[in-house]
C-alpha atoms as a PDB file:
ATOM      1  CA  MET A   1      -3.032  -6.946   2.202  1.00  0.00           C
ATOM      2  CA  SER A   2      -5.480  -4.891  -0.188  1.00  0.00           C
ATOM      3  CA  ILE A   3      -6.751  -3.500  -2.658  1.00  0.00           C
ATOM      4  CA  GLU A   4      -6.679   0.625  -2.987  1.00  0.00           C
ATOM      5  CA  GLU A   5      -7.122   2.110   0.686  1.00  0.00           C
ATOM      6  CA  ASP A   6      -6.585  -1.743   0.637  1.00  0.00           C
ATOM      7  CA  ALA A   7      -7.501  -4.654   1.555  1.00  0.00           C
ATOM      8  CA  ASP A   8      -7.328  -6.242   4.564  1.00  0.00           C
ATOM      9  CA  PRO A   9      -4.399  -9.419   4.540  1.00  0.00           C
ATOM     10  CA  ASP A  10      -4.877 -12.409   6.143  1.00  0.00           C
ATOM     11  CA  GLY A  11      -5.767 -14.837   3.735  1.00  0.00           C
ATOM     12  CA  ARG A  12      -8.372 -16.603   6.143  1.00  0.00           C
ATOM     13  CA  GLY A  13     -11.489 -14.741   5.206  1.00  0.00           C
ATOM     14  CA  THR A  14     -13.034 -14.805   1.770  1.00  0.00           C
ATOM     15  CA  PRO A  15     -11.397 -12.928  -1.224  1.00  0.00           C
ATOM     16  CA  VAL A  16     -13.370 -10.036  -2.409  1.00  0.00           C
ATOM     17  CA  GLY A  17     -13.914 -10.339  -6.199  1.00  0.00           C
ATOM     18  CA  ARG A  18     -13.368  -6.960  -8.728  1.00  0.00           C
ATOM     19  CA  ARG A  19     -16.338  -6.766  -9.836  1.00  0.00           C
ATOM     20  CA  LEU A  20     -17.721  -6.855  -6.305  1.00  0.00           C
ATOM     21  CA  VAL A  21     -15.328  -4.342  -5.526  1.00  0.00           C
ATOM     22  CA  LEU A  22     -16.424  -1.953  -8.351  1.00  0.00           C
ATOM     23  CA  GLY A  23     -20.091  -2.304  -7.671  1.00  0.00           C
ATOM     24  CA  MET A  24     -19.526  -1.572  -3.755  1.00  0.00           C
ATOM     25  CA  LEU A  25     -17.604   1.458  -4.686  1.00  0.00           C
ATOM     26  CA  GLY A  26     -20.255   2.951  -6.989  1.00  0.00           C
ATOM     27  CA  LEU A  27     -22.950   2.540  -4.336  1.00  0.00           C
ATOM     28  CA  GLY A  28     -20.779   4.260  -1.640  1.00  0.00           C
ATOM     29  CA  ALA A  29     -19.973   7.087  -3.917  1.00  0.00           C
ATOM     30  CA  ALA A  30     -22.790   9.127  -3.619  1.00  0.00           C
ATOM     31  CA  GLY A  31     -22.344   8.665   0.608  1.00  0.00           C
ATOM     32  CA  LEU A  32     -18.758   9.994   0.021  1.00  0.00           C
ATOM     33  CA  VAL A  33     -20.334  13.276  -1.293  1.00  0.00           C
ATOM     34  CA  ALA A  34     -23.524  13.344   1.093  1.00  0.00           C
ATOM     35  CA  ALA A  35     -21.840  12.950   4.258  1.00  0.00           C
ATOM     36  CA  PRO A  36     -18.491  13.931   4.622  1.00  0.00           C
ATOM     37  CA  SER A  37     -18.807  15.185   8.343  1.00  0.00           C
ATOM     38  CA  LEU A  38     -19.814  11.615   9.468  1.00  0.00           C
ATOM     39  CA  GLN A  39     -17.048  10.316   7.175  1.00  0.00           C
ATOM     40  CA  ARG A  40     -14.288  11.801   9.302  1.00  0.00           C
ATOM     41  CA  GLY A  41     -15.830   9.783  12.709  1.00  0.00           C
ATOM     42  CA  PHE A  42     -15.977   6.804  10.489  1.00  0.00           C
ATOM     43  CA  GLU A  43     -12.048   6.816  10.063  1.00  0.00           C
ATOM     44  CA  ALA A  44     -11.402   6.601  13.546  1.00  0.00           C
ATOM     45  CA  VAL A  45     -13.949   3.355  14.061  1.00  0.00           C
ATOM     46  CA  THR A  46     -12.841   0.983  11.311  1.00  0.00           C
ATOM     47  CA  GLY A  47      -9.586  -0.160  12.727  1.00  0.00           C
ATOM     48  CA  SER A  48     -11.617  -1.690  15.415  1.00  0.00           C
ATOM     49  CA  ASP A  49     -14.603  -3.265  13.172  1.00  0.00           C
ATOM     50  CA  PRO A  50     -14.621  -7.412  13.775  1.00  0.00           C
ATOM     51  CA  THR A  51     -17.546  -7.833  11.425  1.00  0.00           C
ATOM     52  CA  GLY A  52     -15.449  -6.508   8.045  1.00  0.00           C
ATOM     53  CA  LEU A  53     -18.361  -5.116   7.068  1.00  0.00           C
ATOM     54  CA  SER A  54     -16.610  -1.561   7.600  1.00  0.00           C
ATOM     55  CA  GLY A  55     -14.269  -2.545   4.727  1.00  0.00           C
ATOM     56  CA  LEU A  56     -16.730  -2.143   2.045  1.00  0.00           C
ATOM     57  CA  LEU A  57     -18.323   1.257   3.009  1.00  0.00           C
ATOM     58  CA  PRO A  58     -16.684   4.705   2.290  1.00  0.00           C
ATOM     59  CA  ASN A  59     -14.112   5.809   4.837  1.00  0.00           C
ATOM     60  CA  GLY A  60     -13.022   9.464   5.955  1.00  0.00           C
ATOM     61  CA  GLY A  61     -11.040  11.720   3.796  1.00  0.00           C
ATOM     62  CA  GLY A  62     -11.728  10.494   0.457  1.00  0.00           C
ATOM     63  CA  PHE A  63     -10.348   6.593   1.377  1.00  0.00           C
ATOM     64  CA  ARG A  64     -12.401   3.404   1.167  1.00  0.00           C
ATOM     65  CA  TYR A  65     -11.159  -0.350   2.513  1.00  0.00           C
ATOM     66  CA  TYR A  66     -11.874  -3.774   0.823  1.00  0.00           C
ATOM     67  CA  SER A  67     -10.988  -6.389   3.059  1.00  0.00           C
ATOM     68  CA  VAL A  68      -9.124  -9.453   1.435  1.00  0.00           C
ATOM     69  CA  ALA A  69      -8.792 -11.346   4.920  1.00  0.00           C
ATOM     70  CA  SER A  70     -10.728 -11.388   8.352  1.00  0.00           C
ATOM     71  CA  SER A  71      -8.011  -9.586  10.651  1.00  0.00           C
ATOM     72  CA  VAL A  72      -4.312  -7.672  10.549  1.00  0.00           C
ATOM     73  CA  PRO A  73      -2.820  -8.145  13.513  1.00  0.00           C
ATOM     74  CA  GLU A  74      -0.886  -4.445  14.567  1.00  0.00           C
ATOM     75  CA  ARG A  75       2.564  -3.882  15.169  1.00  0.00           C
ATOM     76  CA  GLY A  76       4.215  -1.213  17.229  1.00  0.00           C
ATOM     77  CA  PRO A  77       7.950  -0.246  17.778  1.00  0.00           C
ATOM     78  CA  GLN A  78       8.210  -3.338  19.956  1.00  0.00           C
ATOM     79  CA  ASP A  79       8.021  -6.273  17.407  1.00  0.00           C
ATOM     80  CA  TYR A  80       7.617  -4.564  14.050  1.00  0.00           C
ATOM     81  CA  ARG A  81      10.482  -5.792  11.827  1.00  0.00           C
ATOM     82  CA  LEU A  82      11.169  -4.941   7.922  1.00  0.00           C
ATOM     83  CA  THR A  83      13.483  -7.329   6.335  1.00  0.00           C
ATOM     84  CA  VAL A  84      15.365  -6.741   3.016  1.00  0.00           C
ATOM     85  CA  GLY A  85      16.603 -10.353   1.442  1.00  0.00           C
ATOM     86  CA  GLY A  86      16.805 -12.090  -1.621  1.00  0.00           C
ATOM     87  CA  LEU A  87      19.224 -11.063  -4.302  1.00  0.00           C
ATOM     88  CA  VAL A  88      21.619  -8.724  -2.066  1.00  0.00           C
ATOM     89  CA  GLU A  89      24.857  -8.706  -0.825  1.00  0.00           C
ATOM     90  CA  ARG A  90      24.223  -7.544   2.788  1.00  0.00           C
ATOM     91  CA  PRO A  91      20.894  -8.661   4.092  1.00  0.00           C
ATOM     92  CA  ALA A  92      19.392  -6.553   6.889  1.00  0.00           C
ATOM     93  CA  SER A  93      16.498  -6.195   9.259  1.00  0.00           C
ATOM     94  CA  TYR A  94      15.042  -2.813  10.522  1.00  0.00           C
ATOM     95  CA  THR A  95      13.131  -1.950  13.240  1.00  0.00           C
ATOM     96  CA  LEU A  96      10.650   1.265  13.953  1.00  0.00           C
ATOM     97  CA  ASP A  97      13.519   3.090  15.261  1.00  0.00           C
ATOM     98  CA  ALA A  98      16.024   2.594  12.921  1.00  0.00           C
ATOM     99  CA  LEU A  99      13.499   3.635   9.913  1.00  0.00           C
ATOM    100  CA  ARG A 100      12.642   6.374  11.651  1.00  0.00           C
ATOM    101  CA  ALA A 101      16.201   7.312  12.356  1.00  0.00           C
ATOM    102  CA  LEU A 102      17.163   7.259   8.649  1.00  0.00           C
ATOM    103  CA  PRO A 103      16.835  10.418   6.361  1.00  0.00           C
ATOM    104  CA  GLN A 104      13.228  10.875   5.408  1.00  0.00           C
ATOM    105  CA  THR A 105      11.710  11.986   2.077  1.00  0.00           C
ATOM    106  CA  ARG A 106       8.208  14.088   1.663  1.00  0.00           C
ATOM    107  CA  VAL A 107       6.567  13.799  -1.303  1.00  0.00           C
ATOM    108  CA  VAL A 108       2.971  15.031  -2.148  1.00  0.00           C
ATOM    109  CA  ARG A 109       0.592  13.530  -5.078  1.00  0.00           C
ATOM    110  CA  ASP A 110      -2.936  12.726  -5.519  1.00  0.00           C
ATOM    111  CA  VAL A 111      -4.206   9.284  -4.629  1.00  0.00           C
ATOM    112  CA  GLN A 112      -5.726   7.414  -7.543  1.00  0.00           C
ATOM    113  CA  CYS A 113      -7.598   4.075  -7.285  1.00  0.00           C
ATOM    114  CA  VAL A 114      -8.186   2.330 -10.050  1.00  0.00           C
ATOM    115  CA  THR A 115     -11.646   2.076  -9.259  1.00  0.00           C
ATOM    116  CA  GLY A 116     -12.295   5.892  -9.738  1.00  0.00           C
ATOM    117  CA  TRP A 117     -11.956   7.394  -6.516  1.00  0.00           C
ATOM    118  CA  ARG A 118      -8.694  10.307  -6.236  1.00  0.00           C
ATOM    119  CA  VAL A 119      -7.648  11.841  -2.948  1.00  0.00           C
ATOM    120  CA  PRO A 120      -6.199  15.117  -3.777  1.00  0.00           C
ATOM    121  CA  GLY A 121      -2.805  16.509  -2.347  1.00  0.00           C
ATOM    122  CA  THR A 122      -1.768  13.706  -0.360  1.00  0.00           C
ATOM    123  CA  PRO A 123       1.617  13.671   1.525  1.00  0.00           C
ATOM    124  CA  PHE A 124       3.413  10.680   2.803  1.00  0.00           C
ATOM    125  CA  GLU A 125       6.846  10.546   4.311  1.00  0.00           C
ATOM    126  CA  GLY A 126       9.663   8.275   4.478  1.00  0.00           C
ATOM    127  CA  VAL A 127      12.899   6.602   3.596  1.00  0.00           C
ATOM    128  CA  PRO A 128      12.929   5.951  -0.617  1.00  0.00           C
ATOM    129  CA  VAL A 129      12.971   2.058  -1.262  1.00  0.00           C
ATOM    130  CA  ASN A 130      16.259   2.990  -3.322  1.00  0.00           C
ATOM    131  CA  ARG A 131      17.948   3.932  -0.041  1.00  0.00           C
ATOM    132  CA  LEU A 132      17.705   0.488   1.543  1.00  0.00           C
ATOM    133  CA  LEU A 133      18.685  -1.215  -1.717  1.00  0.00           C
ATOM    134  CA  GLU A 134      22.256   1.121  -1.879  1.00  0.00           C
ATOM    135  CA  ALA A 135      22.512  -0.191   1.766  1.00  0.00           C
ATOM    136  CA  ALA A 136      21.577  -3.630   1.048  1.00  0.00           C
ATOM    137  CA  GLY A 137      23.848  -4.042  -2.396  1.00  0.00           C
ATOM    138  CA  VAL A 138      21.809  -5.459  -5.169  1.00  0.00           C
ATOM    139  CA  ARG A 139      23.679  -8.171  -7.108  1.00  0.00           C
ATOM    140  CA  PRO A 140      23.615  -8.345 -10.510  1.00  0.00           C
ATOM    141  CA  GLU A 141      21.188 -11.058 -11.176  1.00  0.00           C
ATOM    142  CA  ALA A 142      18.236  -9.146  -9.462  1.00  0.00           C
ATOM    143  CA  ARG A 143      15.714  -7.436 -11.891  1.00  0.00           C
ATOM    144  CA  ALA A 144      12.767  -7.161  -9.533  1.00  0.00           C
ATOM    145  CA  ILE A 145      11.570  -6.640  -6.005  1.00  0.00           C
ATOM    146  CA  ARG A 146       8.503  -8.303  -3.759  1.00  0.00           C
ATOM    147  CA  PHE A 147       7.143  -6.589  -1.051  1.00  0.00           C
ATOM    148  CA  ASP A 148       5.257  -8.753   1.624  1.00  0.00           C
ATOM    149  CA  CYS A 149       3.135  -7.783   3.971  1.00  0.00           C
ATOM    150  CA  PHE A 150       2.652  -9.003   7.934  1.00  0.00           C
ATOM    151  CA  ASP A 151      -0.954  -9.531   7.113  1.00  0.00           C
ATOM    152  CA  GLY A 152       0.345 -12.823   5.518  1.00  0.00           C
ATOM    153  CA  ALA A 153      -1.345 -12.721   2.526  1.00  0.00           C
ATOM    154  CA  TYR A 154      -0.563  -9.802   0.452  1.00  0.00           C
ATOM    155  CA  THR A 155       2.156  -8.671  -1.838  1.00  0.00           C
ATOM    156  CA  GLU A 156       3.230  -6.637  -4.413  1.00  0.00           C
ATOM    157  CA  SER A 157       5.772  -6.316  -7.092  1.00  0.00           C
ATOM    158  CA  LEU A 158       8.031  -3.723  -8.910  1.00  0.00           C
ATOM    159  CA  THR A 159      10.875  -4.123 -11.515  1.00  0.00           C
ATOM    160  CA  LEU A 160      14.463  -2.529  -9.813  1.00  0.00           C
ATOM    161  CA  PRO A 161      14.064   0.628 -12.246  1.00  0.00           C
ATOM    162  CA  GLN A 162      10.345   1.147 -11.190  1.00  0.00           C
ATOM    163  CA  ALA A 163      11.699   0.854  -7.463  1.00  0.00           C
ATOM    164  CA  ARG A 164      14.464   3.236  -7.822  1.00  0.00           C
ATOM    165  CA  ARG A 165      12.238   6.254  -8.214  1.00  0.00           C
ATOM    166  CA  ASP A 166      12.508   8.806  -5.706  1.00  0.00           C
ATOM    167  CA  ASP A 167       8.742   8.818  -5.598  1.00  0.00           C
ATOM    168  CA  VAL A 168       8.621   5.582  -4.107  1.00  0.00           C
ATOM    169  CA  LEU A 169       8.921   5.311  -0.644  1.00  0.00           C
ATOM    170  CA  VAL A 170       8.816   3.199   2.599  1.00  0.00           C
ATOM    171  CA  ALA A 171       6.631   5.672   4.068  1.00  0.00           C
ATOM    172  CA  LEU A 172       6.094   5.907   7.781  1.00  0.00           C
ATOM    173  CA  ARG A 173       3.791   8.973   7.643  1.00  0.00           C
ATOM    174  CA  MET A 174       0.765   9.987   5.554  1.00  0.00           C
ATOM    175  CA  ARG A 175      -0.916  13.652   6.078  1.00  0.00           C
ATOM    176  CA  ASP A 176       2.216  14.823   8.267  1.00  0.00           C
ATOM    177  CA  LYS A 177       0.916  12.393  10.909  1.00  0.00           C
ATOM    178  CA  PRO A 178       2.227   8.712  12.038  1.00  0.00           C
ATOM    179  CA  LEU A 179       1.038   6.143   9.906  1.00  0.00           C
ATOM    180  CA  GLY A 180      -2.125   4.249  11.741  1.00  0.00           C
ATOM    181  CA  HIS A 181      -3.095   0.993  11.652  1.00  0.00           C
ATOM    182  CA  GLY A 182      -6.010   1.433   9.478  1.00  0.00           C
ATOM    183  CA  HIS A 183      -3.857   3.388   6.763  1.00  0.00           C
ATOM    184  CA  GLY A 184      -1.169   0.306   6.859  1.00  0.00           C
ATOM    185  CA  GLY A 185       0.591   1.378   9.637  1.00  0.00           C
ATOM    186  CA  PRO A 186       3.432   1.364  10.875  1.00  0.00           C
ATOM    187  CA  VAL A 187       4.926   0.861   7.441  1.00  0.00           C
ATOM    188  CA  ARG A 188       3.930   0.693   4.698  1.00  0.00           C
ATOM    189  CA  LEU A 189       5.066   0.855   0.165  1.00  0.00           C
ATOM    190  CA  TYR A 190       3.980   3.865  -1.261  1.00  0.00           C
ATOM    191  CA  VAL A 191       4.511   3.948  -4.833  1.00  0.00           C
ATOM    192  CA  ALA A 192       3.225   7.522  -6.324  1.00  0.00           C
ATOM    193  CA  PRO A 193       2.875   7.379  -9.837  1.00  0.00           C
ATOM    194  CA  MET A 194       1.060   4.279  -9.841  1.00  0.00           C
ATOM    195  CA  TYR A 195      -2.631   2.892  -8.900  1.00  0.00           C
ATOM    196  CA  PHE A 196      -2.848   2.772  -5.182  1.00  0.00           C
ATOM    197  CA  TYR A 197      -3.112  -0.893  -4.580  1.00  0.00           C
ATOM    198  CA  LYS A 198       0.494  -1.033  -5.600  1.00  0.00           C
ATOM    199  CA  SER A 199       1.225   1.044  -2.251  1.00  0.00           C
ATOM    200  CA  ALA A 200       0.971  -2.488  -0.179  1.00  0.00           C
ATOM    201  CA  LYS A 201       0.421  -1.878   3.418  1.00  0.00           C
ATOM    202  CA  TRP A 202       1.727  -3.329   6.332  1.00  0.00           C
ATOM    203  CA  LEU A 203       5.074  -3.708   4.859  1.00  0.00           C
ATOM    204  CA  SER A 204       7.321  -6.339   6.578  1.00  0.00           C
ATOM    205  CA  GLY A 205       9.446  -7.955   3.424  1.00  0.00           C
ATOM    206  CA  ILE A 206      11.677  -6.615   0.544  1.00  0.00           C
ATOM    207  CA  THR A 207      13.147  -9.290  -1.337  1.00  0.00           C
ATOM    208  CA  LEU A 208      15.478  -8.780  -4.783  1.00  0.00           C
ATOM    209  CA  THR A 209      13.942 -11.355  -7.148  1.00  0.00           C
ATOM    210  CA  GLU A 210      15.547 -12.572 -10.587  1.00  0.00           C
ATOM    211  CA  GLY A 211      11.957 -11.208 -12.192  1.00  0.00           C
ATOM    212  CA  VAL A 212       8.612  -9.719 -11.201  1.00  0.00           C
ATOM    213  CA  GLU A 213       6.316 -11.976  -9.259  1.00  0.00           C
ATOM    214  CA  PRO A 214       2.689 -10.902  -9.982  1.00  0.00           C
ATOM    215  CA  GLY A 215       0.995  -9.437  -6.901  1.00  0.00           C
ATOM    216  CA  TYR A 216      -2.590 -10.410  -4.543  1.00  0.00           C
ATOM    217  CA  TRP A 217      -4.455  -7.876  -7.292  1.00  0.00           C
ATOM    218  CA  GLU A 218      -2.284  -8.719 -10.098  1.00  0.00           C
ATOM    219  CA  ARG A 219      -3.052 -12.400  -9.934  1.00  0.00           C
ATOM    220  CA  LEU A 220      -7.011 -11.836  -9.874  1.00  0.00           C
ATOM    221  CA  GLY A 221      -6.807  -9.536 -13.130  1.00  0.00           C
ATOM    222  CA  TYR A 222      -5.335  -5.912 -12.618  1.00  0.00           C
ATOM    223  CA  ASP A 223      -1.967  -4.943 -14.620  1.00  0.00           C
ATOM    224  CA  VAL A 224       1.522  -5.064 -12.958  1.00  0.00           C
ATOM    225  CA  ASP A 225       2.930  -2.117 -14.372  1.00  0.00           C
ATOM    226  CA  ALA A 226      -0.010  -0.068 -13.023  1.00  0.00           C
ATOM    227  CA  TRP A 227       0.890   3.676 -14.007  1.00  0.00           C
ATOM    228  CA  VAL A 228      -2.202   6.097 -13.456  1.00  0.00           C
ATOM    229  CA  GLY A 229      -3.572   6.706 -16.566  1.00  0.00           C
ATOM    230  CA  ARG A 230      -1.978   4.157 -18.774  1.00  0.00           C
ATOM    231  CA  SER A 231      -2.995   0.836 -17.286  1.00  0.00           C
ATOM    232  CA  ASN A 232      -5.710  -1.264 -16.577  1.00  0.00           C
ATOM    233  CA  GLY A 233      -7.874   0.381 -19.516  1.00  0.00           C
ATOM    234  CA  ARG A 234      -8.180   3.624 -17.645  1.00  0.00           C
ATOM    235  CA  ASP A 235      -7.712   7.327 -18.890  1.00  0.00           C
ATOM    236  CA  ASP A 236      -7.181   9.155 -15.123  1.00  0.00           C
ATOM    237  CA  ALA A 237      -5.170  12.005 -14.820  1.00  0.00           C
ATOM    238  CA  PRO A 238      -1.173  10.934 -13.920  1.00  0.00           C
ATOM    239  CA  THR A 239      -0.606  11.708 -10.268  1.00  0.00           C
ATOM    240  CA  VAL A 240       2.919  12.832 -11.345  1.00  0.00           C
END
């Protein structure tokens, strides 16, 4: 899926290395500061860029996109499904309408990228992961969760205590609007207290496992436990 306002995901494209991402961010920072009006328009077109080059440019509203795959299919109410399985008593599959019908929680926190950029006071709304876990019935041997994405390549993971926090959501809305495809819609993971690469876009699966399975970026060197300000060698102010 992505790194910080995430990486694209299907696995068919050439993976973007950590050093390249950091370098491109440094070059793009000046543009973010100098041209905010241009960035607001830019956000509307990045989702349809067939070249993938827009994934390496600063994006509107302070977010940036970095692709690890050539394309991501769009899904909506007719074909979206979120499965909950693995070490659970009652596996489940949720449509988009079913997720929208559940009680929603709103969390407003800063979004912090491990590469340095920060977007203050960003609202996310959705269903707490723990609500879906309670409905599924977690088996005693489960210790962690693997999150899969319908890009076909990106995965993330959390321990069970991490996933059960009140500020860890299956998010359906961002900035008081439905999640668009470019921001990982229609459904993404949102992990408020951790660096944004943990908030996997295009979420399609929640699988309970016996132990932590490092995700896409962890296998390339990022920390599995990605608390803002206490991981990846950074000292950013916490988002909580």
